Amino acid sequence: MSLGKRLKEAREKAGYSQAALARKAGVSQPVISDIESGEQTETRKLAQLAKALNVTAEWLGSGRGGRTDADANVRPGPAIRGSVPLLSWVQAGPFTLAIDPPDLDECELIPAITPVRARTFALRVENDSMAPDFPPGTILIVEPDTDHKAGDFVIVGNGAAEATFKQLVRDGDDWLLRPMNPQYPMKPMPENGRVIGVVVAATRKLR
């Protein structure tokens, strides 16, 4: 079974139209249509689609492993690809600009299941603006050296010593920052704002 057929099967089982899945996953409807029709055979949005459909990314992408986490809970965990420094929100901006970088020997190291590059780092979610998808305590693996686009979860700096975690949304020529928690408003990109990095993985310690 192809990626397109698995995606369509999971979408229909979940009761979503293509448009509804697009909204839930933060992916454009044409991308979903192209995957299901077979015109597109891979996607960088696999994890987002899998999460929205409550299936595992491995099953959706390759057909291997358990279809859901419950099916897959006896499988070996993902391979650790390296360790990255856990930074504070204040450290993140200067670190990615290579201005007064923190002493990495003083940083807690976080294991990462994604490829680790020279400037890959981790952040800990501190508030509930991205809940329930990313509750406080979630560890984010952030990659500064990758291109960002609409639908990505990103770390954004405001030009000062502050950073925020939101989903990047495009409205015409404007970039907007969307929280997952409906109690928080969507806001425009700050005038001096910039994307510090794209969130490529997220994990949460329960104890």
N, C-alpha and C. Protein backbone atom coordinates (compact mmCIF):
# COMPACT_ATOMS: atom_id res chain seq x y z
N MET A 1 0.85 -1.20 0.00
CA MET A 1 0.00 0.00 0.00
C MET A 1 0.88 1.25 0.00
N SER A 2 0.55 2.21 -0.84
CA SER A 2 1.36 3.42 -0.97
C SER A 2 1.05 4.42 0.15
N LEU A 3 1.93 5.44 0.26
CA LEU A 3 1.69 6.52 1.22
C LEU A 3 0.33 7.15 0.99
N GLY A 4 0.00 7.41 -0.28
CA GLY A 4 -1.28 8.04 -0.59
C GLY A 4 -2.47 7.22 -0.13
N LYS A 5 -2.40 5.92 -0.34
CA LYS A 5 -3.51 5.05 0.07
C LYS A 5 -3.61 4.97 1.59
N ARG A 6 -2.45 4.91 2.28
CA ARG A 6 -2.49 4.88 3.74
C ARG A 6 -3.06 6.18 4.29
N LEU A 7 -2.64 7.31 3.70
CA LEU A 7 -3.15 8.60 4.16
C LEU A 7 -4.66 8.69 3.96
N LYS A 8 -5.13 8.30 2.80
CA LYS A 8 -6.57 8.36 2.53
C LYS A 8 -7.34 7.44 3.46
N GLU A 9 -6.81 6.23 3.66
CA GLU A 9 -7.47 5.26 4.55
C GLU A 9 -7.57 5.83 5.97
N ALA A 10 -6.46 6.37 6.47
CA ALA A 10 -6.46 6.91 7.84
C ALA A 10 -7.35 8.14 7.94
N ARG A 11 -7.33 8.98 6.91
CA ARG A 11 -8.18 10.19 6.93
C ARG A 11 -9.66 9.82 6.96
N GLU A 12 -10.05 8.88 6.09
CA GLU A 12 -11.46 8.49 6.04
C GLU A 12 -11.89 7.77 7.31
N LYS A 13 -10.99 6.96 7.89
CA LYS A 13 -11.32 6.29 9.14
C LYS A 13 -11.52 7.30 10.26
N ALA A 14 -10.74 8.41 10.23
CA ALA A 14 -10.87 9.45 11.26
C ALA A 14 -12.07 10.36 10.99
N GLY A 15 -12.66 10.25 9.81
CA GLY A 15 -13.83 11.05 9.49
C GLY A 15 -13.54 12.47 9.04
N TYR A 16 -12.32 12.70 8.52
CA TYR A 16 -11.94 14.03 8.08
C TYR A 16 -12.05 14.16 6.55
N SER A 17 -12.50 15.31 6.11
CA SER A 17 -12.32 15.68 4.70
C SER A 17 -10.88 16.12 4.52
N GLN A 18 -10.45 16.28 3.28
CA GLN A 18 -9.09 16.77 3.05
C GLN A 18 -8.93 18.16 3.66
N ALA A 19 -9.95 19.00 3.53
CA ALA A 19 -9.86 20.36 4.07
C ALA A 19 -9.76 20.34 5.59
N ALA A 20 -10.54 19.46 6.24
CA ALA A 20 -10.51 19.38 7.70
C ALA A 20 -9.16 18.88 8.20
N LEU A 21 -8.61 17.88 7.50
CA LEU A 21 -7.29 17.38 7.89
C LEU A 21 -6.23 18.44 7.69
N ALA A 22 -6.34 19.20 6.59
CA ALA A 22 -5.38 20.27 6.34
C ALA A 22 -5.37 21.27 7.47
N ARG A 23 -6.54 21.66 7.95
CA ARG A 23 -6.62 22.62 9.06
C ARG A 23 -6.03 22.04 10.33
N LYS A 24 -6.35 20.81 10.63
CA LYS A 24 -5.88 20.19 11.88
C LYS A 24 -4.38 19.98 11.89
N ALA A 25 -3.84 19.61 10.73
CA ALA A 25 -2.41 19.27 10.66
C ALA A 25 -1.53 20.46 10.30
N GLY A 26 -2.14 21.60 9.89
CA GLY A 26 -1.33 22.74 9.47
C GLY A 26 -0.64 22.48 8.15
N VAL A 27 -1.30 21.75 7.27
CA VAL A 27 -0.76 21.40 5.95
C VAL A 27 -1.75 21.88 4.90
N SER A 28 -1.28 22.32 3.76
CA SER A 28 -2.19 22.80 2.73
C SER A 28 -2.98 21.64 2.12
N GLN A 29 -4.23 21.91 1.75
CA GLN A 29 -5.07 20.87 1.16
C GLN A 29 -4.49 20.33 -0.15
N PRO A 30 -3.90 21.17 -1.03
CA PRO A 30 -3.32 20.62 -2.26
C PRO A 30 -2.23 19.58 -1.99
N VAL A 31 -1.47 19.75 -0.90
CA VAL A 31 -0.44 18.76 -0.57
C VAL A 31 -1.10 17.42 -0.25
N ILE A 32 -2.16 17.45 0.54
CA ILE A 32 -2.87 16.21 0.90
C ILE A 32 -3.45 15.57 -0.36
N SER A 33 -4.05 16.39 -1.22
CA SER A 33 -4.62 15.87 -2.47
C SER A 33 -3.55 15.23 -3.34
N ASP A 34 -2.38 15.89 -3.45
CA ASP A 34 -1.30 15.36 -4.28
C ASP A 34 -0.76 14.04 -3.73
N ILE A 35 -0.69 13.93 -2.40
CA ILE A 35 -0.20 12.69 -1.80
C ILE A 35 -1.19 11.56 -2.07
N GLU A 36 -2.47 11.83 -1.83
CA GLU A 36 -3.47 10.78 -2.00
C GLU A 36 -3.62 10.34 -3.46
N SER A 37 -3.38 11.26 -4.39
CA SER A 37 -3.48 10.91 -5.80
C SER A 37 -2.23 10.22 -6.33
N GLY A 38 -1.16 10.25 -5.53
CA GLY A 38 0.09 9.64 -5.96
C GLY A 38 1.03 10.57 -6.67
N GLU A 39 0.63 11.83 -6.86
CA GLU A 39 1.51 12.79 -7.52
C GLU A 39 2.70 13.16 -6.64
N GLN A 40 2.52 13.08 -5.32
CA GLN A 40 3.59 13.36 -4.37
C GLN A 40 3.79 12.11 -3.52
N THR A 41 4.99 11.57 -3.50
CA THR A 41 5.23 10.29 -2.83
C THR A 41 5.95 10.42 -1.49
N GLU A 42 6.29 11.65 -1.09
CA GLU A 42 6.89 11.87 0.22
C GLU A 42 6.57 13.29 0.66
N THR A 43 6.71 13.55 1.97
CA THR A 43 6.40 14.87 2.49
C THR A 43 7.15 15.12 3.78
N ARG A 44 7.55 16.37 4.00
CA ARG A 44 8.19 16.77 5.26
C ARG A 44 7.16 16.94 6.36
N LYS A 45 5.87 16.89 6.02
CA LYS A 45 4.81 17.09 6.99
C LYS A 45 4.27 15.77 7.54
N LEU A 46 5.04 14.70 7.36
CA LEU A 46 4.57 13.37 7.74
C LEU A 46 4.19 13.31 9.23
N ALA A 47 5.05 13.88 10.09
CA ALA A 47 4.79 13.81 11.52
C ALA A 47 3.51 14.57 11.89
N GLN A 48 3.28 15.71 11.25
CA GLN A 48 2.08 16.49 11.54
C GLN A 48 0.83 15.76 11.08
N LEU A 49 0.88 15.14 9.90
CA LEU A 49 -0.26 14.39 9.41
C LEU A 49 -0.55 13.18 10.30
N ALA A 50 0.52 12.49 10.69
CA ALA A 50 0.34 11.31 11.54
C ALA A 50 -0.28 11.70 12.88
N LYS A 51 0.19 12.78 13.46
CA LYS A 51 -0.34 13.22 14.76
C LYS A 51 -1.81 13.58 14.64
N ALA A 52 -2.17 14.30 13.56
CA ALA A 52 -3.55 14.70 13.37
C ALA A 52 -4.47 13.49 13.18
N LEU A 53 -3.94 12.43 12.60
CA LEU A 53 -4.74 11.23 12.32
C LEU A 53 -4.63 10.16 13.40
N ASN A 54 -3.81 10.45 14.42
CA ASN A 54 -3.62 9.52 15.54
C ASN A 54 -3.06 8.17 15.05
N VAL A 55 -2.11 8.25 14.12
CA VAL A 55 -1.39 7.06 13.69
C VAL A 55 0.09 7.35 13.85
N THR A 56 0.92 6.32 13.76
CA THR A 56 2.35 6.54 13.89
C THR A 56 2.93 7.03 12.57
N ALA A 57 3.94 7.87 12.66
CA ALA A 57 4.59 8.39 11.46
C ALA A 57 5.27 7.26 10.69
N GLU A 58 5.79 6.26 11.40
CA GLU A 58 6.46 5.15 10.72
C GLU A 58 5.47 4.38 9.86
N TRP A 59 4.28 4.09 10.43
CA TRP A 59 3.28 3.35 9.65
C TRP A 59 2.80 4.18 8.46
N LEU A 60 2.52 5.47 8.71
CA LEU A 60 2.02 6.31 7.63
C LEU A 60 3.05 6.45 6.51
N GLY A 61 4.32 6.60 6.88
CA GLY A 61 5.35 6.82 5.88
C GLY A 61 5.79 5.58 5.14
N SER A 62 5.82 4.43 5.84
CA SER A 62 6.39 3.23 5.22
C SER A 62 5.50 2.00 5.27
N GLY A 63 4.46 2.05 6.12
CA GLY A 63 3.61 0.88 6.28
C GLY A 63 4.16 -0.12 7.28
N ARG A 64 5.32 0.19 7.85
CA ARG A 64 5.93 -0.72 8.82
C ARG A 64 5.51 -0.33 10.24
N GLY A 65 5.71 -1.29 11.17
CA GLY A 65 5.42 -1.01 12.56
C GLY A 65 3.94 -0.96 12.85
N GLY A 66 3.61 -0.54 14.07
CA GLY A 66 2.22 -0.45 14.48
C GLY A 66 1.54 0.75 13.87
N ARG A 67 0.26 0.60 13.59
CA ARG A 67 -0.51 1.70 13.02
C ARG A 67 -0.69 2.83 14.03
N THR A 68 -0.89 2.48 15.30
CA THR A 68 -1.05 3.46 16.36
C THR A 68 0.00 3.22 17.42
N ASP A 69 0.13 4.18 18.35
CA ASP A 69 1.09 4.02 19.45
C ASP A 69 0.75 2.80 20.28
N ALA A 70 -0.56 2.50 20.44
CA ALA A 70 -0.96 1.33 21.22
C ALA A 70 -0.47 0.05 20.53
N ASP A 71 -0.53 0.04 19.19
CA ASP A 71 -0.04 -1.12 18.45
C ASP A 71 1.48 -1.23 18.54
N ALA A 72 2.13 -0.07 18.65
CA ALA A 72 3.59 -0.02 18.53
C ALA A 72 4.31 0.02 19.87
N ASN A 73 3.57 -0.13 20.99
CA ASN A 73 4.21 0.14 22.28
C ASN A 73 5.21 -0.92 22.72
N VAL A 74 5.37 -1.99 21.96
CA VAL A 74 6.39 -2.98 22.33
C VAL A 74 7.57 -2.93 21.37
N ARG A 75 7.54 -2.01 20.44
CA ARG A 75 8.65 -1.92 19.49
C ARG A 75 9.82 -1.16 20.10
N PRO A 76 11.03 -1.39 19.63
CA PRO A 76 12.18 -0.62 20.11
C PRO A 76 11.99 0.86 19.83
N GLY A 77 12.55 1.69 20.69
CA GLY A 77 12.46 3.13 20.50
C GLY A 77 13.32 3.58 19.34
N PRO A 78 13.12 4.82 18.90
CA PRO A 78 13.92 5.34 17.78
C PRO A 78 15.38 5.47 18.17
N ALA A 79 16.23 5.36 17.18
CA ALA A 79 17.67 5.45 17.43
C ALA A 79 18.05 6.87 17.83
N ILE A 80 18.92 6.98 18.81
CA ILE A 80 19.43 8.28 19.23
C ILE A 80 20.49 8.72 18.24
N ARG A 81 20.32 9.93 17.70
CA ARG A 81 21.21 10.42 16.64
C ARG A 81 22.31 11.33 17.17
N GLY A 82 22.24 11.67 18.46
CA GLY A 82 23.22 12.57 19.04
C GLY A 82 22.63 13.30 20.22
N SER A 83 23.37 14.23 20.79
CA SER A 83 22.91 15.03 21.92
C SER A 83 23.05 16.50 21.59
N VAL A 84 22.10 17.30 22.11
CA VAL A 84 22.11 18.73 21.83
C VAL A 84 21.98 19.49 23.15
N PRO A 85 22.50 20.72 23.22
CA PRO A 85 22.41 21.48 24.46
C PRO A 85 21.01 22.01 24.70
N LEU A 86 20.56 21.91 25.95
CA LEU A 86 19.28 22.49 26.35
C LEU A 86 19.52 23.94 26.76
N LEU A 87 19.01 24.87 25.97
CA LEU A 87 19.23 26.29 26.22
C LEU A 87 18.03 26.91 26.90
N SER A 88 18.25 28.06 27.53
CA SER A 88 17.15 28.86 28.03
C SER A 88 16.61 29.69 26.88
N TRP A 89 15.43 30.26 27.06
CA TRP A 89 14.84 31.07 26.01
C TRP A 89 15.66 32.34 25.77
N VAL A 90 16.36 32.80 26.79
CA VAL A 90 17.21 33.98 26.64
C VAL A 90 18.46 33.64 25.85
N GLN A 91 18.98 32.42 26.05
CA GLN A 91 20.21 32.00 25.35
C GLN A 91 19.98 31.71 23.87
N ALA A 92 18.78 31.33 23.51
CA ALA A 92 18.53 30.79 22.17
C ALA A 92 18.91 31.75 21.05
N GLY A 93 18.45 33.01 21.13
CA GLY A 93 18.73 33.96 20.07
C GLY A 93 20.21 34.24 19.89
N PRO A 94 20.93 34.65 20.92
CA PRO A 94 22.37 34.88 20.78
C PRO A 94 23.14 33.64 20.34
N PHE A 95 22.70 32.47 20.79
CA PHE A 95 23.41 31.24 20.42
C PHE A 95 23.33 31.01 18.91
N THR A 96 22.15 31.19 18.31
CA THR A 96 22.02 30.92 16.89
C THR A 96 22.71 31.98 16.05
N LEU A 97 22.93 33.14 16.62
CA LEU A 97 23.65 34.19 15.89
C LEU A 97 25.15 34.13 16.15
N ALA A 98 25.57 33.18 16.96
CA ALA A 98 26.99 33.03 17.33
C ALA A 98 27.52 34.28 18.01
N ILE A 99 26.63 34.94 18.77
CA ILE A 99 27.04 36.10 19.55
C ILE A 99 27.02 35.69 21.02
N ASP A 100 28.18 35.74 21.65
CA ASP A 100 28.29 35.36 23.05
C ASP A 100 27.58 34.03 23.32
N PRO A 101 27.98 32.95 22.65
CA PRO A 101 27.29 31.68 22.84
C PRO A 101 27.49 31.16 24.26
N PRO A 102 26.54 30.40 24.77
CA PRO A 102 26.68 29.87 26.12
C PRO A 102 27.78 28.82 26.18
N ASP A 103 28.27 28.59 27.37
CA ASP A 103 29.26 27.55 27.58
C ASP A 103 28.55 26.21 27.52
N LEU A 104 28.75 25.47 26.42
CA LEU A 104 28.01 24.23 26.24
C LEU A 104 28.37 23.20 27.30
N ASP A 105 29.53 23.33 27.91
CA ASP A 105 29.90 22.40 28.97
C ASP A 105 29.01 22.59 30.19
N GLU A 106 28.37 23.77 30.30
CA GLU A 106 27.50 24.06 31.43
C GLU A 106 26.04 23.71 31.13
N CYS A 107 25.75 23.31 29.88
CA CYS A 107 24.37 23.02 29.47
C CYS A 107 24.04 21.54 29.67
N GLU A 108 22.80 21.29 30.05
CA GLU A 108 22.30 19.92 30.06
C GLU A 108 22.21 19.43 28.62
N LEU A 109 22.60 18.18 28.37
CA LEU A 109 22.54 17.62 27.03
C LEU A 109 21.29 16.75 26.89
N ILE A 110 20.60 16.93 25.77
CA ILE A 110 19.36 16.22 25.51
C ILE A 110 19.56 15.27 24.34
N PRO A 111 19.23 13.98 24.48
CA PRO A 111 19.36 13.07 23.35
C PRO A 111 18.36 13.42 22.25
N ALA A 112 18.76 13.33 21.01
CA ALA A 112 17.90 13.68 19.88
C ALA A 112 17.75 12.49 18.95
N ILE A 113 16.53 12.31 18.42
CA ILE A 113 16.26 11.21 17.49
C ILE A 113 16.31 11.70 16.04
N THR A 114 16.59 13.00 15.87
CA THR A 114 16.72 13.57 14.53
C THR A 114 18.20 13.84 14.26
N PRO A 115 18.60 14.01 13.00
CA PRO A 115 19.99 14.33 12.71
C PRO A 115 20.44 15.59 13.44
N VAL A 116 21.62 15.56 14.01
CA VAL A 116 22.14 16.67 14.79
C VAL A 116 23.20 17.41 13.99
N ARG A 117 23.03 18.72 13.86
CA ARG A 117 24.00 19.55 13.16
C ARG A 117 24.76 20.40 14.18
N ALA A 118 25.63 21.25 13.67
CA ALA A 118 26.52 22.02 14.55
C ALA A 118 25.74 22.93 15.50
N ARG A 119 24.60 23.49 15.03
CA ARG A 119 23.88 24.46 15.86
C ARG A 119 22.53 23.96 16.36
N THR A 120 22.23 22.68 16.18
CA THR A 120 20.98 22.14 16.70
C THR A 120 20.96 22.29 18.22
N PHE A 121 19.81 22.69 18.76
CA PHE A 121 19.70 22.85 20.21
C PHE A 121 18.31 22.46 20.68
N ALA A 122 18.11 22.46 21.98
CA ALA A 122 16.83 22.10 22.57
C ALA A 122 16.31 23.23 23.46
N LEU A 123 14.99 23.30 23.58
CA LEU A 123 14.32 24.25 24.47
C LEU A 123 13.23 23.50 25.23
N ARG A 124 12.93 23.97 26.43
CA ARG A 124 11.84 23.38 27.21
C ARG A 124 10.64 24.33 27.20
N VAL A 125 9.47 23.84 26.80
CA VAL A 125 8.26 24.66 26.79
C VAL A 125 7.92 25.07 28.22
N GLU A 126 7.65 26.36 28.41
CA GLU A 126 7.43 26.87 29.76
C GLU A 126 6.01 27.35 30.01
N ASN A 127 5.20 27.55 28.96
CA ASN A 127 3.82 28.00 29.21
C ASN A 127 2.86 27.15 28.40
N ASP A 128 1.56 27.46 28.50
CA ASP A 128 0.54 26.61 27.89
C ASP A 128 0.01 27.16 26.58
N SER A 129 0.72 28.11 25.95
CA SER A 129 0.20 28.71 24.72
C SER A 129 0.14 27.72 23.56
N MET A 130 0.92 26.61 23.65
CA MET A 130 0.90 25.62 22.57
C MET A 130 0.27 24.31 23.02
N ALA A 131 -0.38 24.32 24.19
CA ALA A 131 -1.10 23.15 24.66
C ALA A 131 -2.41 23.03 23.87
N PRO A 132 -2.98 21.83 23.72
CA PRO A 132 -2.52 20.58 24.33
C PRO A 132 -1.45 19.84 23.54
N ASP A 133 -1.11 20.33 22.34
CA ASP A 133 -0.14 19.61 21.52
C ASP A 133 1.25 19.60 22.15
N PHE A 134 1.64 20.75 22.73
CA PHE A 134 2.97 20.88 23.34
C PHE A 134 2.79 21.48 24.74
N PRO A 135 2.44 20.66 25.73
CA PRO A 135 2.23 21.19 27.08
C PRO A 135 3.53 21.62 27.74
N PRO A 136 3.44 22.42 28.81
CA PRO A 136 4.65 22.80 29.53
C PRO A 136 5.47 21.58 29.92
N GLY A 137 6.77 21.70 29.76
CA GLY A 137 7.67 20.59 30.05
C GLY A 137 8.13 19.85 28.81
N THR A 138 7.44 20.05 27.69
CA THR A 138 7.84 19.41 26.44
C THR A 138 9.22 19.91 26.01
N ILE A 139 10.08 18.99 25.58
CA ILE A 139 11.40 19.35 25.08
C ILE A 139 11.33 19.45 23.56
N LEU A 140 11.72 20.59 23.04
CA LEU A 140 11.73 20.83 21.60
C LEU A 140 13.14 20.71 21.05
N ILE A 141 13.30 20.00 19.96
CA ILE A 141 14.58 19.96 19.26
C ILE A 141 14.48 20.96 18.11
N VAL A 142 15.39 21.94 18.09
CA VAL A 142 15.29 23.07 17.18
C VAL A 142 16.47 23.07 16.21
N GLU A 143 16.17 23.22 14.93
CA GLU A 143 17.20 23.25 13.90
C GLU A 143 17.24 24.64 13.25
N PRO A 144 18.27 25.43 13.54
CA PRO A 144 18.38 26.76 12.94
C PRO A 144 18.74 26.72 11.46
N ASP A 145 19.43 25.67 11.03
CA ASP A 145 19.98 25.64 9.67
C ASP A 145 19.07 24.87 8.72
N THR A 146 17.81 25.23 8.71
CA THR A 146 16.87 24.65 7.75
C THR A 146 15.86 25.72 7.36
N ASP A 147 15.36 25.64 6.15
CA ASP A 147 14.40 26.64 5.68
C ASP A 147 13.05 26.44 6.35
N HIS A 148 12.38 27.53 6.65
CA HIS A 148 11.05 27.46 7.25
C HIS A 148 9.99 27.78 6.20
N LYS A 149 8.80 27.25 6.42
CA LYS A 149 7.69 27.56 5.54
C LYS A 149 6.39 27.46 6.32
N ALA A 150 5.30 27.91 5.69
CA ALA A 150 4.00 27.93 6.35
C ALA A 150 3.65 26.54 6.87
N GLY A 151 3.14 26.51 8.10
CA GLY A 151 2.77 25.26 8.74
C GLY A 151 3.82 24.72 9.68
N ASP A 152 5.07 25.19 9.55
CA ASP A 152 6.12 24.74 10.46
C ASP A 152 5.89 25.28 11.86
N PHE A 153 6.35 24.52 12.84
CA PHE A 153 6.42 25.01 14.21
C PHE A 153 7.82 25.62 14.38
N VAL A 154 7.85 26.86 14.84
CA VAL A 154 9.11 27.60 14.82
C VAL A 154 9.36 28.33 16.13
N ILE A 155 10.62 28.66 16.34
CA ILE A 155 11.04 29.54 17.42
C ILE A 155 11.32 30.89 16.79
N VAL A 156 10.68 31.93 17.29
CA VAL A 156 10.79 33.26 16.70
C VAL A 156 11.35 34.23 17.73
N GLY A 157 12.34 35.00 17.33
CA GLY A 157 12.88 36.06 18.17
C GLY A 157 12.24 37.38 17.80
N ASN A 158 12.10 38.27 18.79
CA ASN A 158 11.44 39.56 18.54
C ASN A 158 12.43 40.69 18.30
N GLY A 159 13.69 40.35 18.09
CA GLY A 159 14.70 41.39 17.87
C GLY A 159 15.37 41.81 19.16
N ALA A 160 14.83 41.38 20.30
CA ALA A 160 15.43 41.68 21.60
C ALA A 160 15.88 40.36 22.21
N ALA A 161 15.80 40.27 23.53
CA ALA A 161 16.28 39.06 24.20
C ALA A 161 15.12 38.12 24.53
N GLU A 162 14.11 38.07 23.67
CA GLU A 162 12.96 37.22 23.93
C GLU A 162 12.69 36.34 22.72
N ALA A 163 12.13 35.17 22.96
CA ALA A 163 11.77 34.26 21.89
C ALA A 163 10.43 33.63 22.22
N THR A 164 9.75 33.15 21.19
CA THR A 164 8.45 32.52 21.39
C THR A 164 8.33 31.31 20.48
N PHE A 165 7.47 30.38 20.84
CA PHE A 165 7.24 29.15 20.10
C PHE A 165 5.81 29.17 19.55
N LYS A 166 5.67 29.13 18.23
CA LYS A 166 4.35 29.18 17.61
C LYS A 166 4.38 28.42 16.28
N GLN A 167 3.20 28.25 15.69
CA GLN A 167 3.11 27.72 14.34
C GLN A 167 3.11 28.87 13.35
N LEU A 168 3.88 28.73 12.30
CA LEU A 168 4.02 29.80 11.31
C LEU A 168 2.91 29.68 10.27
N VAL A 169 2.18 30.77 10.08
CA VAL A 169 1.05 30.79 9.14
C VAL A 169 1.26 31.94 8.17
N ARG A 170 0.93 31.71 6.90
CA ARG A 170 1.06 32.78 5.91
C ARG A 170 -0.31 33.23 5.45
N ASP A 171 -0.50 34.55 5.42
CA ASP A 171 -1.74 35.16 4.92
C ASP A 171 -1.35 36.19 3.87
N GLY A 172 -1.34 35.77 2.60
CA GLY A 172 -0.86 36.66 1.55
C GLY A 172 0.63 36.92 1.71
N ASP A 173 0.98 38.18 1.87
CA ASP A 173 2.39 38.54 2.08
C ASP A 173 2.76 38.61 3.55
N ASP A 174 1.81 38.37 4.42
CA ASP A 174 2.04 38.52 5.87
C ASP A 174 2.28 37.17 6.53
N TRP A 175 3.19 37.18 7.50
CA TRP A 175 3.46 36.00 8.33
C TRP A 175 2.78 36.20 9.67
N LEU A 176 2.07 35.16 10.13
CA LEU A 176 1.37 35.20 11.41
C LEU A 176 1.89 34.08 12.29
N LEU A 177 1.75 34.27 13.61
CA LEU A 177 2.18 33.28 14.58
C LEU A 177 0.95 32.74 15.30
N ARG A 178 0.70 31.45 15.15
CA ARG A 178 -0.51 30.85 15.70
C ARG A 178 -0.21 29.96 16.89
N PRO A 179 -0.86 30.21 18.04
CA PRO A 179 -0.75 29.29 19.17
C PRO A 179 -1.71 28.13 18.97
N MET A 180 -1.43 27.00 19.56
CA MET A 180 -2.34 25.86 19.50
C MET A 180 -3.46 26.00 20.52
N ASN A 181 -3.19 26.72 21.60
CA ASN A 181 -4.20 26.93 22.65
C ASN A 181 -5.16 28.03 22.20
N PRO A 182 -6.45 27.73 22.02
CA PRO A 182 -7.40 28.74 21.53
C PRO A 182 -7.61 29.91 22.47
N GLN A 183 -7.12 29.82 23.70
CA GLN A 183 -7.25 30.93 24.64
C GLN A 183 -6.27 32.06 24.32
N TYR A 184 -5.30 31.78 23.44
CA TYR A 184 -4.32 32.79 23.07
C TYR A 184 -4.60 33.27 21.65
N PRO A 185 -4.41 34.56 21.36
CA PRO A 185 -4.71 35.08 20.02
C PRO A 185 -3.57 34.82 19.04
N MET A 186 -3.93 34.74 17.77
CA MET A 186 -2.92 34.71 16.72
C MET A 186 -2.36 36.12 16.56
N LYS A 187 -1.06 36.23 16.36
CA LYS A 187 -0.43 37.55 16.26
C LYS A 187 0.44 37.64 15.02
N PRO A 188 0.65 38.84 14.50
CA PRO A 188 1.55 39.00 13.35
C PRO A 188 3.00 38.82 13.80
N MET A 189 3.85 38.49 12.86
CA MET A 189 5.28 38.43 13.13
C MET A 189 5.73 39.81 13.62
N PRO A 190 6.49 39.88 14.72
CA PRO A 190 6.98 41.18 15.20
C PRO A 190 7.75 41.91 14.12
N GLU A 191 7.72 43.22 14.17
CA GLU A 191 8.37 44.04 13.14
C GLU A 191 9.83 43.68 12.95
N ASN A 192 10.52 43.45 14.05
CA ASN A 192 11.93 43.07 13.98
C ASN A 192 12.13 41.57 14.22
N GLY A 193 11.06 40.81 14.05
CA GLY A 193 11.12 39.39 14.34
C GLY A 193 11.84 38.59 13.27
N ARG A 194 12.34 37.44 13.67
CA ARG A 194 13.00 36.53 12.74
C ARG A 194 12.82 35.11 13.24
N VAL A 195 12.79 34.17 12.33
CA VAL A 195 12.70 32.77 12.71
C VAL A 195 14.08 32.30 13.14
N ILE A 196 14.20 31.92 14.39
CA ILE A 196 15.47 31.43 14.93
C ILE A 196 15.73 29.99 14.47
N GLY A 197 14.68 29.19 14.44
CA GLY A 197 14.86 27.80 14.02
C GLY A 197 13.53 27.10 13.88
N VAL A 198 13.56 25.96 13.21
CA VAL A 198 12.37 25.13 13.00
C VAL A 198 12.39 23.98 14.00
N VAL A 199 11.26 23.73 14.65
CA VAL A 199 11.16 22.61 15.59
C VAL A 199 11.03 21.33 14.77
N VAL A 200 11.99 20.42 14.93
CA VAL A 200 12.01 19.19 14.12
C VAL A 200 11.60 17.96 14.92
N ALA A 201 11.51 18.10 16.25
CA ALA A 201 11.08 16.98 17.08
C ALA A 201 10.65 17.52 18.43
N ALA A 202 9.82 16.76 19.13
CA ALA A 202 9.37 17.16 20.46
C ALA A 202 9.18 15.91 21.30
N THR A 203 9.66 15.95 22.54
CA THR A 203 9.50 14.83 23.46
C THR A 203 9.08 15.39 24.81
N ARG A 204 8.57 14.53 25.65
CA ARG A 204 8.13 14.98 26.96
C ARG A 204 8.49 13.95 28.02
N LYS A 205 9.15 14.41 29.07
CA LYS A 205 9.45 13.55 30.20
C LYS A 205 8.28 13.57 31.15
N LEU A 206 7.77 12.39 31.51
CA LEU A 206 6.63 12.31 32.41
C LEU A 206 7.06 12.30 33.87
N ARG A 207 8.31 11.90 34.14
CA ARG A 207 8.79 11.89 35.52
C ARG A 207 10.24 12.30 35.53
